[in-house]
């Protein structure tokens, strides 16, 4: 379960970074993830 938790945590962090990158990109008229 520890490995699954680590993968899930990494995936959620990736989603957060993706959302942040998308909002920054939309401010620059770019595409997001």
N, C-alpha and C. Protein backbone atom coordinates (compact mmCIF):
# COMPACT_ATOMS: atom_id res chain seq x y z
N UNK A 1 0.84 -1.21 0.00
CA UNK A 1 0.00 0.00 0.00
C UNK A 1 0.87 1.25 0.00
N UNK A 2 2.08 1.13 0.53
CA UNK A 2 2.98 2.29 0.58
C UNK A 2 3.33 2.76 -0.82
N UNK A 3 3.62 1.79 -1.71
CA UNK A 3 3.97 2.15 -3.08
C UNK A 3 2.79 2.81 -3.79
N UNK A 4 1.59 2.28 -3.54
CA UNK A 4 0.40 2.85 -4.16
C UNK A 4 0.17 4.27 -3.66
N UNK A 5 0.40 4.48 -2.37
CA UNK A 5 0.22 5.82 -1.80
C UNK A 5 1.22 6.79 -2.43
N UNK A 6 2.45 6.34 -2.62
CA UNK A 6 3.47 7.21 -3.21
C UNK A 6 3.09 7.56 -4.64
N UNK A 7 2.58 6.58 -5.40
CA UNK A 7 2.19 6.84 -6.79
C UNK A 7 1.01 7.80 -6.83
N UNK A 8 0.04 7.57 -5.93
CA UNK A 8 -1.14 8.43 -5.90
C UNK A 8 -0.74 9.86 -5.54
N UNK A 9 0.17 10.00 -4.57
CA UNK A 9 0.62 11.31 -4.15
C UNK A 9 1.35 12.01 -5.31
N UNK A 10 2.19 11.27 -6.01
CA UNK A 10 2.93 11.84 -7.15
C UNK A 10 1.95 12.25 -8.24
N UNK A 11 0.91 11.44 -8.46
CA UNK A 11 -0.06 11.76 -9.50
C UNK A 11 -0.83 13.02 -9.13
N UNK A 12 -1.21 13.13 -7.86
CA UNK A 12 -1.96 14.31 -7.43
C UNK A 12 -1.09 15.56 -7.50
N UNK A 13 0.18 15.43 -7.16
CA UNK A 13 1.08 16.58 -7.28
C UNK A 13 1.21 16.98 -8.74
N UNK A 14 1.26 15.98 -9.63
CA UNK A 14 1.34 16.27 -11.07
C UNK A 14 0.09 17.00 -11.53
N UNK A 15 -1.07 16.57 -11.03
CA UNK A 15 -2.33 17.23 -11.40
C UNK A 15 -2.32 18.68 -10.93
N UNK A 16 -1.81 18.92 -9.71
CA UNK A 16 -1.76 20.29 -9.19
C UNK A 16 -0.83 21.13 -10.07
N UNK A 17 0.33 20.58 -10.41
CA UNK A 17 1.26 21.33 -11.25
C UNK A 17 0.66 21.57 -12.63
N UNK A 18 -0.11 20.59 -13.10
CA UNK A 18 -0.74 20.72 -14.41
C UNK A 18 -1.76 21.85 -14.39
N UNK A 19 -2.54 21.94 -13.33
CA UNK A 19 -3.54 23.00 -13.21
C UNK A 19 -2.86 24.36 -13.11
N UNK A 20 -1.78 24.43 -12.32
CA UNK A 20 -1.04 25.69 -12.19
C UNK A 20 -0.45 26.09 -13.53
N UNK A 21 0.17 25.14 -14.22
CA UNK A 21 0.78 25.42 -15.52
C UNK A 21 -0.29 25.85 -16.52
N UNK A 22 -1.47 25.24 -16.43
CA UNK A 22 -2.55 25.58 -17.36
C UNK A 22 -3.04 27.01 -17.11
N UNK A 23 -3.16 27.40 -15.86
CA UNK A 23 -3.64 28.76 -15.57
C UNK A 23 -2.59 29.79 -15.98
N UNK A 24 -1.31 29.46 -15.78
CA UNK A 24 -0.25 30.37 -16.20
C UNK A 24 -0.23 30.46 -17.73
N UNK A 25 -0.39 29.32 -18.38
CA UNK A 25 -0.37 29.28 -19.84
C UNK A 25 -1.55 30.04 -20.43
N UNK A 26 -2.71 29.95 -19.80
CA UNK A 26 -3.87 30.66 -20.34
C UNK A 26 -3.69 32.16 -20.18
N UNK A 27 -2.92 32.58 -19.20
CA UNK A 27 -2.62 34.01 -19.06
C UNK A 27 -1.70 34.44 -20.20
N UNK A 28 -0.92 33.50 -20.72
CA UNK A 28 0.02 33.81 -21.80
C UNK A 28 -0.54 33.39 -23.16
N UNK A 29 -1.81 33.06 -23.22
CA UNK A 29 -2.46 32.61 -24.45
C UNK A 29 -1.75 31.39 -25.03
N UNK A 30 -1.44 30.43 -24.17
CA UNK A 30 -0.79 29.20 -24.61
C UNK A 30 -1.69 28.03 -24.30
N UNK A 31 -1.27 26.84 -24.69
CA UNK A 31 -2.02 25.65 -24.32
C UNK A 31 -1.48 25.16 -23.00
N UNK A 32 -2.33 24.44 -22.24
CA UNK A 32 -1.89 23.90 -20.96
C UNK A 32 -1.27 22.55 -21.16
N UNK A 33 -1.48 21.64 -20.21
CA UNK A 33 -0.97 20.28 -20.35
C UNK A 33 -1.74 19.66 -21.50
